[in-house]
Amino acid sequence: IGNLFAYFVSFKYRLVLTLKQKKQFAPNIWELQFQSDQPIEFSAGQYLEWTLAQDKTDIRGNRRYFTICSSPTEEKLIITLKCPIDKASTFKSELLRLEVDSIVWAGQLMGDFVLPEDKAKKLVWIAGGIGVTPFRSQAKYLFDTKQKRDIVMFYMASDATQFVYKDVFAQVGIKTRYLTTRLQTADLSPYKDRLFYLSGPNAMIESYKELLSSLKVPSAHIITDYFPGY
């Protein structure tokens, strides 16, 4: 009750979202597509707080932050989530049980993990697991707006079944290296003069921040976004 009360009194607006489609990419990765009751203006890479009407919740309650995986150029709002098969939170379990045409709510648009205004800046994207979602949003936005940017991407996952949206990155022409974390590491030394975007588990981000620091990459050239467990 407290979560719902805070939601309704503190948000400047709320979106009523209707589930239109669910896709399963892997046993533990799902994409959910929603239709909003009103237009929403956002920048590729930002996130929303999502709320479910749950009768029972675990200690974390009935709200979570999810990056908007869709581009501002697309009609539907998309989120993509990783859900442990054997120990999912009550929130994720309920979210994945939703039927088509079910309703959820969202608000609190936030985030500065967005593309630089200077289109000439050369970028490196480093994604770990489900941390790929803001990059999917940005890649699709670049394609739809016909922007050409110099981007190199390193996408890491525990194994090859966990890579998603490879078609989107190929469509945009982003140079992407797919790395399985148990076998490969990213060599960033040829790109140390670029702007780095890091998105993934906190441990991965801290590790790559240390690596970039050892390469003398200024902290101002490192933009981070991390995905905690839900």
C-alpha atoms as a PDB file:
ATOM      1  CA  ILE A   1       0.000   0.000   0.000  1.00  0.00           C
ATOM      2  CA  GLY A   2       2.824   2.361   0.875  1.00  0.00           C
ATOM      3  CA  ASN A   3       4.511   1.763  -2.474  1.00  0.00           C
ATOM      4  CA  LEU A   4       1.311   2.492  -4.391  1.00  0.00           C
ATOM      5  CA  PHE A   5       0.581   5.605  -2.334  1.00  0.00           C
ATOM      6  CA  ALA A   6       4.063   7.001  -2.928  1.00  0.00           C
ATOM      7  CA  TYR A   7       3.705   6.239  -6.626  1.00  0.00           C
ATOM      8  CA  PHE A   8       0.480   8.181  -7.088  1.00  0.00           C
ATOM      9  CA  VAL A   9       1.358  11.194  -4.929  1.00  0.00           C
ATOM     10  CA  SER A  10       4.969  11.711  -6.025  1.00  0.00           C
ATOM     11  CA  PHE A  11       4.878  11.269  -9.803  1.00  0.00           C
ATOM     12  CA  LYS A  12       4.317  14.305 -11.950  1.00  0.00           C
ATOM     13  CA  TYR A  13       2.613  12.036 -14.460  1.00  0.00           C
ATOM     14  CA  ARG A  14       2.011   8.375 -14.992  1.00  0.00           C
ATOM     15  CA  LEU A  15       1.794   6.238 -18.064  1.00  0.00           C
ATOM     16  CA  VAL A  16      -0.785   3.499 -18.346  1.00  0.00           C
ATOM     17  CA  LEU A  17       0.858   0.750 -20.385  1.00  0.00           C
ATOM     18  CA  THR A  18      -0.895  -2.177 -22.036  1.00  0.00           C
ATOM     19  CA  LEU A  19       1.097  -5.322 -22.709  1.00  0.00           C
ATOM     20  CA  LYS A  20       0.936  -6.184 -26.410  1.00  0.00           C
ATOM     21  CA  GLN A  21       3.569  -8.847 -26.923  1.00  0.00           C
ATOM     22  CA  LYS A  22       6.053 -11.070 -25.082  1.00  0.00           C
ATOM     23  CA  LYS A  23       9.110 -12.653 -26.698  1.00  0.00           C
ATOM     24  CA  GLN A  24      11.511 -15.143 -25.169  1.00  0.00           C
ATOM     25  CA  PHE A  25      15.080 -14.880 -26.461  1.00  0.00           C
ATOM     26  CA  ALA A  26      16.611 -17.458 -24.119  1.00  0.00           C
ATOM     27  CA  PRO A  27      15.364 -19.497 -21.145  1.00  0.00           C
ATOM     28  CA  ASN A  28      16.082 -16.507 -18.889  1.00  0.00           C
ATOM     29  CA  ILE A  29      15.722 -13.473 -21.217  1.00  0.00           C
ATOM     30  CA  TRP A  30      12.397 -11.893 -22.165  1.00  0.00           C
ATOM     31  CA  GLU A  31      11.246  -8.889 -24.178  1.00  0.00           C
ATOM     32  CA  LEU A  32       7.933  -7.195 -23.330  1.00  0.00           C
ATOM     33  CA  GLN A  33       6.289  -4.675 -25.659  1.00  0.00           C
ATOM     34  CA  PHE A  34       3.778  -2.160 -24.305  1.00  0.00           C
ATOM     35  CA  GLN A  35       1.458   0.429 -25.802  1.00  0.00           C
ATOM     36  CA  SER A  36       1.251   3.705 -23.861  1.00  0.00           C
ATOM     37  CA  ASP A  37      -1.963   5.625 -23.262  1.00  0.00           C
ATOM     38  CA  GLN A  38      -0.125   8.869 -24.096  1.00  0.00           C
ATOM     39  CA  PRO A  39       2.954   9.991 -26.026  1.00  0.00           C
ATOM     40  CA  ILE A  40       6.226  10.093 -24.123  1.00  0.00           C
ATOM     41  CA  GLU A  41       9.312  12.023 -25.103  1.00  0.00           C
ATOM     42  CA  PHE A  42      12.588  10.468 -24.008  1.00  0.00           C
ATOM     43  CA  SER A  43      16.198  10.160 -25.084  1.00  0.00           C
ATOM     44  CA  ALA A  44      17.622   6.815 -26.157  1.00  0.00           C
ATOM     45  CA  GLY A  45      19.273   5.275 -23.102  1.00  0.00           C
ATOM     46  CA  GLN A  46      16.925   6.640 -20.420  1.00  0.00           C
ATOM     47  CA  TYR A  47      14.803   4.579 -18.028  1.00  0.00           C
ATOM     48  CA  LEU A  48      11.423   4.528 -16.286  1.00  0.00           C
ATOM     49  CA  GLU A  49      10.150   3.241 -12.978  1.00  0.00           C
ATOM     50  CA  TRP A  50       7.593   0.470 -13.546  1.00  0.00           C
ATOM     51  CA  THR A  51       4.820  -0.476 -11.104  1.00  0.00           C
ATOM     52  CA  LEU A  52       2.718  -3.618 -10.823  1.00  0.00           C
ATOM     53  CA  ALA A  53      -0.520  -4.105  -8.911  1.00  0.00           C
ATOM     54  CA  GLN A  54       0.682  -7.023  -6.778  1.00  0.00           C
ATOM     55  CA  ASP A  55      -1.173  -8.554  -3.834  1.00  0.00           C
ATOM     56  CA  LYS A  56       2.004  -9.981  -2.302  1.00  0.00           C
ATOM     57  CA  THR A  57       5.574  -8.854  -2.810  1.00  0.00           C
ATOM     58  CA  ASP A  58       9.012  -9.649  -1.471  1.00  0.00           C
ATOM     59  CA  ILE A  59      11.031  -7.101   0.471  1.00  0.00           C
ATOM     60  CA  ARG A  60      11.788  -5.056  -2.658  1.00  0.00           C
ATOM     61  CA  GLY A  61       8.146  -4.194  -3.297  1.00  0.00           C
ATOM     62  CA  ASN A  62       6.201  -3.698  -6.498  1.00  0.00           C
ATOM     63  CA  ARG A  63       8.368  -1.167  -8.345  1.00  0.00           C
ATOM     64  CA  ARG A  64      11.505  -1.511 -10.456  1.00  0.00           C
ATOM     65  CA  TYR A  65      13.591   0.623 -12.803  1.00  0.00           C
ATOM     66  CA  PHE A  66      13.992  -0.640 -16.361  1.00  0.00           C
ATOM     67  CA  THR A  67      15.790   0.973 -19.273  1.00  0.00           C
ATOM     68  CA  ILE A  68      13.540   1.724 -22.225  1.00  0.00           C
ATOM     69  CA  CYS A  69      14.905  -0.732 -24.756  1.00  0.00           C
ATOM     70  CA  SER A  70      12.955   0.771 -27.649  1.00  0.00           C
ATOM     71  CA  SER A  71      13.986   3.856 -29.577  1.00  0.00           C
ATOM     72  CA  PRO A  72      12.093   7.169 -29.326  1.00  0.00           C
ATOM     73  CA  THR A  73      11.289   6.558 -33.010  1.00  0.00           C
ATOM     74  CA  GLU A  74       9.268   3.406 -32.246  1.00  0.00           C
ATOM     75  CA  GLU A  75       5.601   3.312 -31.304  1.00  0.00           C
ATOM     76  CA  LYS A  76       5.812   0.713 -28.539  1.00  0.00           C
ATOM     77  CA  LEU A  77       7.714   0.934 -25.257  1.00  0.00           C
ATOM     78  CA  ILE A  78       9.952  -2.111 -24.905  1.00  0.00           C
ATOM     79  CA  ILE A  79      11.744  -3.532 -21.893  1.00  0.00           C
ATOM     80  CA  THR A  80      14.037  -6.544 -21.940  1.00  0.00           C
ATOM     81  CA  LEU A  81      14.867  -8.362 -18.734  1.00  0.00           C
ATOM     82  CA  LYS A  82      16.875 -11.252 -17.441  1.00  0.00           C
ATOM     83  CA  CYS A  83      14.999 -13.473 -15.027  1.00  0.00           C
ATOM     84  CA  PRO A  84      16.771 -16.243 -13.099  1.00  0.00           C
ATOM     85  CA  ILE A  85      14.966 -19.489 -13.770  1.00  0.00           C
ATOM     86  CA  ASP A  86      15.130 -20.813 -10.211  1.00  0.00           C
ATOM     87  CA  LYS A  87      15.135 -17.671  -8.011  1.00  0.00           C
ATOM     88  CA  ALA A  88      13.106 -14.916  -9.638  1.00  0.00           C
ATOM     89  CA  SER A  89      11.827 -12.029  -7.515  1.00  0.00           C
ATOM     90  CA  THR A  90       8.083 -11.726  -6.972  1.00  0.00           C
ATOM     91  CA  PHE A  91       8.111  -8.645  -9.219  1.00  0.00           C
ATOM     92  CA  LYS A  92       9.706 -10.385 -12.194  1.00  0.00           C
ATOM     93  CA  SER A  93       7.646 -13.513 -11.695  1.00  0.00           C
ATOM     94  CA  GLU A  94       4.453 -11.466 -11.760  1.00  0.00           C
ATOM     95  CA  LEU A  95       5.632  -9.400 -14.719  1.00  0.00           C
ATOM     96  CA  LEU A  96       6.323 -12.492 -16.798  1.00  0.00           C
ATOM     97  CA  ARG A  97       2.964 -14.007 -15.879  1.00  0.00           C
ATOM     98  CA  LEU A  98       1.083 -11.055 -17.354  1.00  0.00           C
ATOM     99  CA  GLU A  99      -1.235 -11.850 -20.218  1.00  0.00           C
ATOM    100  CA  VAL A 100      -1.561  -9.735 -23.367  1.00  0.00           C
ATOM    101  CA  ASP A 101      -3.717  -6.633 -22.691  1.00  0.00           C
ATOM    102  CA  SER A 102      -2.701  -6.549 -19.011  1.00  0.00           C
ATOM    103  CA  ILE A 103      -1.999  -3.114 -17.526  1.00  0.00           C
ATOM    104  CA  VAL A 104       1.101  -1.792 -15.759  1.00  0.00           C
ATOM    105  CA  TRP A 105       2.108   1.745 -14.835  1.00  0.00           C
ATOM    106  CA  ALA A 106       5.310   3.704 -15.391  1.00  0.00           C
ATOM    107  CA  GLY A 107       6.713   7.124 -14.557  1.00  0.00           C
ATOM    108  CA  GLN A 108       9.817   8.875 -13.227  1.00  0.00           C
ATOM    109  CA  LEU A 109      11.632   9.202 -16.553  1.00  0.00           C
ATOM    110  CA  MET A 110      15.314   9.642 -15.739  1.00  0.00           C
ATOM    111  CA  GLY A 111      18.862   8.953 -16.856  1.00  0.00           C
ATOM    112  CA  ASP A 112      21.843  10.671 -18.489  1.00  0.00           C
ATOM    113  CA  PHE A 113      23.230   7.581 -20.239  1.00  0.00           C
ATOM    114  CA  VAL A 114      22.489   9.185 -23.595  1.00  0.00           C
ATOM    115  CA  LEU A 115      24.329   9.844 -26.843  1.00  0.00           C
ATOM    116  CA  PRO A 116      26.620  12.898 -26.919  1.00  0.00           C
ATOM    117  CA  GLU A 117      25.259  15.886 -28.785  1.00  0.00           C
ATOM    118  CA  ASP A 118      28.506  16.097 -30.749  1.00  0.00           C
ATOM    119  CA  LYS A 119      27.972  13.528 -33.509  1.00  0.00           C
ATOM    120  CA  ALA A 120      31.657  13.584 -34.413  1.00  0.00           C
ATOM    121  CA  LYS A 121      32.744  12.026 -31.109  1.00  0.00           C
ATOM    122  CA  LYS A 122      34.066   8.507 -31.478  1.00  0.00           C
ATOM    123  CA  LEU A 123      32.490   6.044 -29.040  1.00  0.00           C
ATOM    124  CA  VAL A 124      33.118   2.671 -27.450  1.00  0.00           C
ATOM    125  CA  TRP A 125      30.111   0.796 -26.087  1.00  0.00           C
ATOM    126  CA  ILE A 126      30.791  -1.916 -23.503  1.00  0.00           C
ATOM    127  CA  ALA A 127      27.755  -4.043 -22.643  1.00  0.00           C
ATOM    128  CA  GLY A 128      27.568  -6.812 -20.089  1.00  0.00           C
ATOM    129  CA  GLY A 129      24.607  -9.171 -20.314  1.00  0.00           C
ATOM    130  CA  ILE A 130      21.253  -7.409 -20.066  1.00  0.00           C
ATOM    131  CA  GLY A 131      23.175  -4.112 -19.904  1.00  0.00           C
ATOM    132  CA  VAL A 132      22.857  -4.160 -23.686  1.00  0.00           C
ATOM    133  CA  THR A 133      19.361  -2.610 -23.523  1.00  0.00           C
ATOM    134  CA  PRO A 134      20.309   1.104 -23.679  1.00  0.00           C
ATOM    135  CA  PHE A 135      22.580   0.346 -26.627  1.00  0.00           C
ATOM    136  CA  ARG A 136      19.731  -1.349 -28.471  1.00  0.00           C
ATOM    137  CA  SER A 137      17.671   1.827 -27.967  1.00  0.00           C
ATOM    138  CA  GLN A 138      20.495   4.036 -29.211  1.00  0.00           C
ATOM    139  CA  ALA A 139      21.388   1.830 -32.177  1.00  0.00           C
ATOM    140  CA  LYS A 140      17.801   1.706 -33.363  1.00  0.00           C
ATOM    141  CA  TYR A 141      17.518   5.484 -32.946  1.00  0.00           C
ATOM    142  CA  LEU A 142      20.653   6.054 -35.021  1.00  0.00           C
ATOM    143  CA  PHE A 143      19.333   3.793 -37.764  1.00  0.00           C
ATOM    144  CA  ASP A 144      15.881   5.380 -37.869  1.00  0.00           C
ATOM    145  CA  THR A 145      17.266   8.925 -37.913  1.00  0.00           C
ATOM    146  CA  LYS A 146      19.928   7.979 -40.502  1.00  0.00           C
ATOM    147  CA  GLN A 147      22.814   9.097 -38.310  1.00  0.00           C
ATOM    148  CA  LYS A 148      26.336   7.881 -38.975  1.00  0.00           C
ATOM    149  CA  ARG A 149      28.562   7.683 -35.903  1.00  0.00           C
ATOM    150  CA  ASP A 150      31.909   6.005 -35.329  1.00  0.00           C
ATOM    151  CA  ILE A 151      31.088   3.341 -32.711  1.00  0.00           C
ATOM    152  CA  VAL A 152      32.928   0.202 -31.639  1.00  0.00           C
ATOM    153  CA  MET A 153      31.022  -2.178 -29.387  1.00  0.00           C
ATOM    154  CA  PHE A 154      32.158  -4.935 -27.019  1.00  0.00           C
ATOM    155  CA  TYR A 155      29.274  -7.129 -25.916  1.00  0.00           C
ATOM    156  CA  MET A 156      29.970  -9.658 -23.161  1.00  0.00           C
ATOM    157  CA  ALA A 157      27.816 -12.511 -21.920  1.00  0.00           C
ATOM    158  CA  SER A 158      28.272 -15.779 -20.063  1.00  0.00           C
ATOM    159  CA  ASP A 159      27.710 -17.777 -23.253  1.00  0.00           C
ATOM    160  CA  ALA A 160      26.547 -17.304 -26.838  1.00  0.00           C
ATOM    161  CA  THR A 161      22.876 -17.996 -26.041  1.00  0.00           C
ATOM    162  CA  GLN A 162      22.731 -14.764 -24.007  1.00  0.00           C
ATOM    163  CA  PHE A 163      23.448 -12.359 -26.874  1.00  0.00           C
ATOM    164  CA  VAL A 164      20.357 -10.453 -28.040  1.00  0.00           C
ATOM    165  CA  TYR A 165      19.646  -7.825 -30.746  1.00  0.00           C
ATOM    166  CA  LYS A 166      22.581  -8.843 -32.916  1.00  0.00           C
ATOM    167  CA  ASP A 167      20.419  -8.021 -35.950  1.00  0.00           C
ATOM    168  CA  VAL A 168      19.912  -4.434 -34.781  1.00  0.00           C
ATOM    169  CA  PHE A 169      23.620  -3.762 -34.314  1.00  0.00           C
ATOM    170  CA  ALA A 170      24.416  -5.341 -37.680  1.00  0.00           C
ATOM    171  CA  GLN A 171      21.708  -3.256 -39.350  1.00  0.00           C
ATOM    172  CA  VAL A 172      23.260  -0.031 -38.051  1.00  0.00           C
ATOM    173  CA  GLY A 173      26.739  -1.164 -39.070  1.00  0.00           C
ATOM    174  CA  ILE A 174      28.226  -0.932 -35.589  1.00  0.00           C
ATOM    175  CA  LYS A 175      31.518  -2.820 -35.327  1.00  0.00           C
ATOM    176  CA  THR A 176      30.661  -5.365 -32.637  1.00  0.00           C
ATOM    177  CA  ARG A 177      32.815  -7.956 -30.892  1.00  0.00           C
ATOM    178  CA  TYR A 178      30.864 -10.639 -29.050  1.00  0.00           C
ATOM    179  CA  LEU A 179      32.835 -11.965 -26.092  1.00  0.00           C
ATOM    180  CA  THR A 180      32.028 -14.865 -23.796  1.00  0.00           C
ATOM    181  CA  THR A 181      33.274 -13.678 -20.421  1.00  0.00           C
ATOM    182  CA  ARG A 182      34.811 -16.989 -19.399  1.00  0.00           C
ATOM    183  CA  LEU A 183      37.104 -17.116 -22.422  1.00  0.00           C
ATOM    184  CA  GLN A 184      37.744 -13.600 -23.716  1.00  0.00           C
ATOM    185  CA  THR A 185      38.511 -10.058 -22.584  1.00  0.00           C
ATOM    186  CA  ALA A 186      38.230  -6.798 -24.474  1.00  0.00           C
ATOM    187  CA  ASP A 187      41.405  -5.098 -25.679  1.00  0.00           C
ATOM    188  CA  LEU A 188      40.619  -1.396 -25.294  1.00  0.00           C
ATOM    189  CA  SER A 189      44.097   0.042 -25.778  1.00  0.00           C
ATOM    190  CA  PRO A 190      43.538   0.954 -29.481  1.00  0.00           C
ATOM    191  CA  TYR A 191      40.511   3.035 -28.489  1.00  0.00           C
ATOM    192  CA  LYS A 192      41.743   4.884 -25.398  1.00  0.00           C
ATOM    193  CA  ASP A 193      41.141   8.308 -26.971  1.00  0.00           C
ATOM    194  CA  ARG A 194      37.410   7.648 -27.388  1.00  0.00           C
ATOM    195  CA  LEU A 195      34.377   8.261 -25.200  1.00  0.00           C
ATOM    196  CA  PHE A 196      33.412   5.093 -23.305  1.00  0.00           C
ATOM    197  CA  TYR A 197      29.889   3.963 -22.381  1.00  0.00           C
ATOM    198  CA  LEU A 198      29.732   1.084 -19.879  1.00  0.00           C
ATOM    199  CA  SER A 199      26.482  -0.721 -19.089  1.00  0.00           C
ATOM    200  CA  GLY A 200      26.094  -3.960 -17.167  1.00  0.00           C
ATOM    201  CA  PRO A 201      26.593  -5.534 -13.728  1.00  0.00           C
ATOM    202  CA  ASN A 202      28.319  -3.317 -11.201  1.00  0.00           C
ATOM    203  CA  ALA A 203      31.297  -5.669 -10.837  1.00  0.00           C
ATOM    204  CA  MET A 204      31.904  -5.534 -14.587  1.00  0.00           C
ATOM    205  CA  ILE A 205      31.684  -1.762 -14.665  1.00  0.00           C
ATOM    206  CA  GLU A 206      34.139  -1.348 -11.783  1.00  0.00           C
ATOM    207  CA  SER A 207      36.567  -3.754 -13.454  1.00  0.00           C
ATOM    208  CA  TYR A 208      36.496  -1.861 -16.745  1.00  0.00           C
ATOM    209  CA  LYS A 209      36.764   1.494 -15.008  1.00  0.00           C
ATOM    210  CA  GLU A 210      40.000   0.250 -13.436  1.00  0.00           C
ATOM    211  CA  LEU A 211      41.226  -0.965 -16.826  1.00  0.00           C
ATOM    212  CA  LEU A 212      40.423   2.366 -18.469  1.00  0.00           C
ATOM    213  CA  SER A 213      42.125   4.229 -15.634  1.00  0.00           C
ATOM    214  CA  SER A 214      45.269   2.161 -16.234  1.00  0.00           C
ATOM    215  CA  LEU A 215      45.097   3.280 -19.881  1.00  0.00           C
ATOM    216  CA  LYS A 216      44.971   6.928 -18.707  1.00  0.00           C
ATOM    217  CA  VAL A 217      41.435   7.452 -19.979  1.00  0.00           C
ATOM    218  CA  PRO A 218      40.060  10.553 -18.191  1.00  0.00           C
ATOM    219  CA  SER A 219      37.124   9.842 -15.868  1.00  0.00           C
ATOM    220  CA  ALA A 220      35.115  12.469 -17.762  1.00  0.00           C
ATOM    221  CA  HIS A 221      35.345  10.195 -20.817  1.00  0.00           C
ATOM    222  CA  ILE A 222      33.672   7.271 -19.009  1.00  0.00           C
ATOM    223  CA  ILE A 223      29.865   7.180 -18.772  1.00  0.00           C
ATOM    224  CA  THR A 224      28.377   4.341 -16.747  1.00  0.00           C
ATOM    225  CA  ASP A 225      25.068   2.636 -16.172  1.00  0.00           C
ATOM    226  CA  TYR A 226      24.713  -0.504 -14.084  1.00  0.00           C
ATOM    227  CA  PHE A 227      22.066  -3.178 -13.768  1.00  0.00           C
ATOM    228  CA  PRO A 228      21.639  -4.623 -10.276  1.00  0.00           C
ATOM    229  CA  GLY A 229      19.892  -7.910  -9.658  1.00  0.00           C
ATOM    230  CA  TYR A 230      16.136  -7.723  -9.306  1.00  0.00           C
END
